[in-house]
C-alpha atoms as a PDB file:
ATOM      1  CA  MET A   1      35.282   3.866 -32.641  1.00  0.00           C
ATOM      2  CA  GLU A   2      38.982   2.314 -33.572  1.00  0.00           C
ATOM      3  CA  PHE A   3      38.825   1.572 -36.925  1.00  0.00           C
ATOM      4  CA  SER A   4      41.772  -0.545 -37.374  1.00  0.00           C
ATOM      5  CA  GLN A   5      40.157  -3.163 -34.434  1.00  0.00           C
ATOM      6  CA  LEU A   6      38.580  -5.988 -36.429  1.00  0.00           C
ATOM      7  CA  LYS A   7      36.415  -6.691 -33.408  1.00  0.00           C
ATOM      8  CA  ASN A   8      34.427  -3.358 -34.281  1.00  0.00           C
ATOM      9  CA  TYR A   9      33.144  -4.693 -37.422  1.00  0.00           C
ATOM     10  CA  GLN A  10      31.529  -7.949 -36.073  1.00  0.00           C
ATOM     11  CA  TYR A  11      27.978  -8.285 -35.802  1.00  0.00           C
ATOM     12  CA  ASP A  12      25.108 -11.019 -36.772  1.00  0.00           C
ATOM     13  CA  LEU A  13      24.055 -11.502 -40.211  1.00  0.00           C
ATOM     14  CA  PRO A  14      21.459 -14.130 -40.806  1.00  0.00           C
ATOM     15  CA  SER A  15      22.035 -16.414 -43.623  1.00  0.00           C
ATOM     16  CA  GLU A  16      18.469 -15.412 -44.761  1.00  0.00           C
ATOM     17  CA  LEU A  17      19.818 -12.038 -45.429  1.00  0.00           C
ATOM     18  CA  ILE A  18      22.564 -12.459 -47.508  1.00  0.00           C
ATOM     19  CA  ARG A  19      22.038 -12.858 -50.795  1.00  0.00           C
ATOM     20  CA  LYS A  20      23.017 -15.246 -53.500  1.00  0.00           C
ATOM     21  CA  LYS A  21      22.240 -13.802 -56.763  1.00  0.00           C
ATOM     22  CA  PRO A  22      21.675 -10.006 -57.608  1.00  0.00           C
ATOM     23  CA  LEU A  23      18.036  -9.126 -57.891  1.00  0.00           C
ATOM     24  CA  GLU A  24      16.750  -8.516 -61.267  1.00  0.00           C
ATOM     25  CA  PRO A  25      16.031  -5.683 -62.416  1.00  0.00           C
ATOM     26  CA  ARG A  26      19.638  -4.791 -60.437  1.00  0.00           C
ATOM     27  CA  ASP A  27      18.347  -1.195 -59.648  1.00  0.00           C
ATOM     28  CA  SER A  28      16.135  -2.679 -57.096  1.00  0.00           C
ATOM     29  CA  ALA A  29      18.676  -3.181 -54.738  1.00  0.00           C
ATOM     30  CA  ARG A  30      17.766  -1.770 -51.179  1.00  0.00           C
ATOM     31  CA  LEU A  31      19.020   1.520 -50.283  1.00  0.00           C
ATOM     32  CA  PHE A  32      19.911   2.488 -46.847  1.00  0.00           C
ATOM     33  CA  VAL A  33      20.187   6.531 -46.486  1.00  0.00           C
ATOM     34  CA  TYR A  34      21.688   8.453 -43.457  1.00  0.00           C
ATOM     35  CA  ASP A  35      20.968  12.198 -43.479  1.00  0.00           C
ATOM     36  CA  THR A  36      23.647  13.669 -40.624  1.00  0.00           C
ATOM     37  CA  LYS A  37      21.898  16.576 -40.279  1.00  0.00           C
ATOM     38  CA  ALA A  38      18.620  15.649 -39.518  1.00  0.00           C
ATOM     39  CA  ASP A  39      19.935  12.040 -37.946  1.00  0.00           C
ATOM     40  CA  THR A  40      17.023  10.446 -39.761  1.00  0.00           C
ATOM     41  CA  VAL A  41      17.234   7.236 -42.033  1.00  0.00           C
ATOM     42  CA  THR A  42      15.797   6.561 -44.849  1.00  0.00           C
ATOM     43  CA  LEU A  43      14.745   3.137 -47.049  1.00  0.00           C
ATOM     44  CA  ASP A  44      14.692   3.198 -50.674  1.00  0.00           C
ATOM     45  CA  THR A  45      15.932   1.333 -53.795  1.00  0.00           C
ATOM     46  CA  PHE A  46      19.000   2.254 -55.536  1.00  0.00           C
ATOM     47  CA  ARG A  47      17.336   3.333 -59.008  1.00  0.00           C
ATOM     48  CA  ASN A  48      16.475   6.562 -56.872  1.00  0.00           C
ATOM     49  CA  LEU A  49      19.706   7.297 -55.493  1.00  0.00           C
ATOM     50  CA  ALA A  50      20.413  10.983 -57.748  1.00  0.00           C
ATOM     51  CA  GLU A  51      17.453  11.985 -55.155  1.00  0.00           C
ATOM     52  CA  TYR A  52      20.079  11.651 -52.333  1.00  0.00           C
ATOM     53  CA  LEU A  53      23.239  13.120 -54.105  1.00  0.00           C
ATOM     54  CA  PRO A  54      23.778  16.981 -54.179  1.00  0.00           C
ATOM     55  CA  GLU A  55      24.455  18.645 -57.624  1.00  0.00           C
ATOM     56  CA  GLU A  56      28.114  18.464 -57.843  1.00  0.00           C
ATOM     57  CA  SER A  57      28.492  14.826 -56.833  1.00  0.00           C
ATOM     58  CA  LEU A  58      31.213  12.732 -58.445  1.00  0.00           C
ATOM     59  CA  LEU A  59      30.073   9.037 -58.226  1.00  0.00           C
ATOM     60  CA  VAL A  60      32.737   5.843 -58.280  1.00  0.00           C
ATOM     61  CA  LEU A  61      31.034   2.947 -59.268  1.00  0.00           C
ATOM     62  CA  ASN A  62      32.837  -0.162 -58.551  1.00  0.00           C
ATOM     63  CA  ASN A  63      32.241  -3.342 -60.643  1.00  0.00           C
ATOM     64  CA  SER A  64      34.358  -6.047 -58.936  1.00  0.00           C
ATOM     65  CA  ARG A  65      33.192  -9.001 -58.202  1.00  0.00           C
ATOM     66  CA  VAL A  66      33.274 -10.956 -54.177  1.00  0.00           C
ATOM     67  CA  LEU A  67      35.342 -14.362 -54.672  1.00  0.00           C
ATOM     68  CA  PRO A  68      32.914 -16.972 -52.884  1.00  0.00           C
ATOM     69  CA  ALA A  69      35.586 -18.204 -50.921  1.00  0.00           C
ATOM     70  CA  ARG A  70      36.739 -19.401 -47.566  1.00  0.00           C
ATOM     71  CA  LEU A  71      40.376 -19.926 -46.444  1.00  0.00           C
ATOM     72  CA  SER A  72      41.401 -21.987 -43.399  1.00  0.00           C
ATOM     73  CA  THR A  73      44.209 -22.355 -41.589  1.00  0.00           C
ATOM     74  CA  ALA A  74      45.818 -24.795 -38.928  1.00  0.00           C
ATOM     75  CA  ILE A  75      48.839 -23.349 -36.908  1.00  0.00           C
ATOM     76  CA  SER A  76      50.166 -25.823 -34.555  1.00  0.00           C
ATOM     77  CA  ARG A  77      52.284 -24.678 -31.578  1.00  0.00           C
ATOM     78  CA  LYS A  78      54.360 -27.435 -29.122  1.00  0.00           C
ATOM     79  CA  ASN A  79      51.205 -27.921 -26.838  1.00  0.00           C
ATOM     80  CA  SER A  80      48.245 -26.192 -28.603  1.00  0.00           C
ATOM     81  CA  SER A  81      46.921 -26.370 -32.387  1.00  0.00           C
ATOM     82  CA  VAL A  82      44.522 -23.482 -33.479  1.00  0.00           C
ATOM     83  CA  THR A  83      42.035 -23.468 -36.533  1.00  0.00           C
ATOM     84  CA  LYS A  84      41.396 -19.784 -37.993  1.00  0.00           C
ATOM     85  CA  SER A  85      38.943 -19.271 -40.818  1.00  0.00           C
ATOM     86  CA  SER A  86      38.187 -16.252 -42.549  1.00  0.00           C
ATOM     87  CA  ILE A  87      36.050 -15.262 -46.035  1.00  0.00           C
ATOM     88  CA  GLY A  88      37.400 -13.020 -48.582  1.00  0.00           C
ATOM     89  CA  GLY A  89      41.213 -12.096 -48.249  1.00  0.00           C
ATOM     90  CA  LYS A  90      43.331 -10.198 -50.832  1.00  0.00           C
ATOM     91  CA  LEU A  91      45.833 -12.044 -52.872  1.00  0.00           C
ATOM     92  CA  LEU A  92      49.179 -10.271 -52.460  1.00  0.00           C
ATOM     93  CA  GLU A  93      51.137 -12.310 -53.924  1.00  0.00           C
ATOM     94  CA  CYS A  94      51.427 -15.826 -54.996  1.00  0.00           C
ATOM     95  CA  MET A  95      50.314 -17.859 -52.227  1.00  0.00           C
ATOM     96  CA  SER A  96      50.490 -14.715 -49.867  1.00  0.00           C
ATOM     97  CA  TRP A  97      47.442 -13.737 -48.056  1.00  0.00           C
ATOM     98  CA  ARG A  98      46.115 -10.929 -46.147  1.00  0.00           C
ATOM     99  CA  ALA A  99      42.426 -11.678 -44.833  1.00  0.00           C
ATOM    100  CA  ALA A 100      40.760 -10.476 -41.805  1.00  0.00           C
ATOM    101  CA  CYS A 101      40.325 -13.793 -39.263  1.00  0.00           C
ATOM    102  CA  ASP A 102      37.688 -14.540 -36.926  1.00  0.00           C
END
């Protein structure tokens, strides 16, 4: 799989599966565990994460938040007009964005 190709990350995600607010308690969130040796999938909750980590594991947590934003741009050329839309993105510098576009 070519990781730099945006098309490799396209999939259908029904809007009813997108959580609008975090679960309470937070550790009750679903956990998808893939065992590469046994080629099996286990569905569990985040509160049981330690059961799946080797003893010498280092767990790094990220407490960043997603901005609920959509960036729309319009590009006009001589004989055509294109509208692109992206969700999320990374602010590179004042008014300069890098984003994955659909």
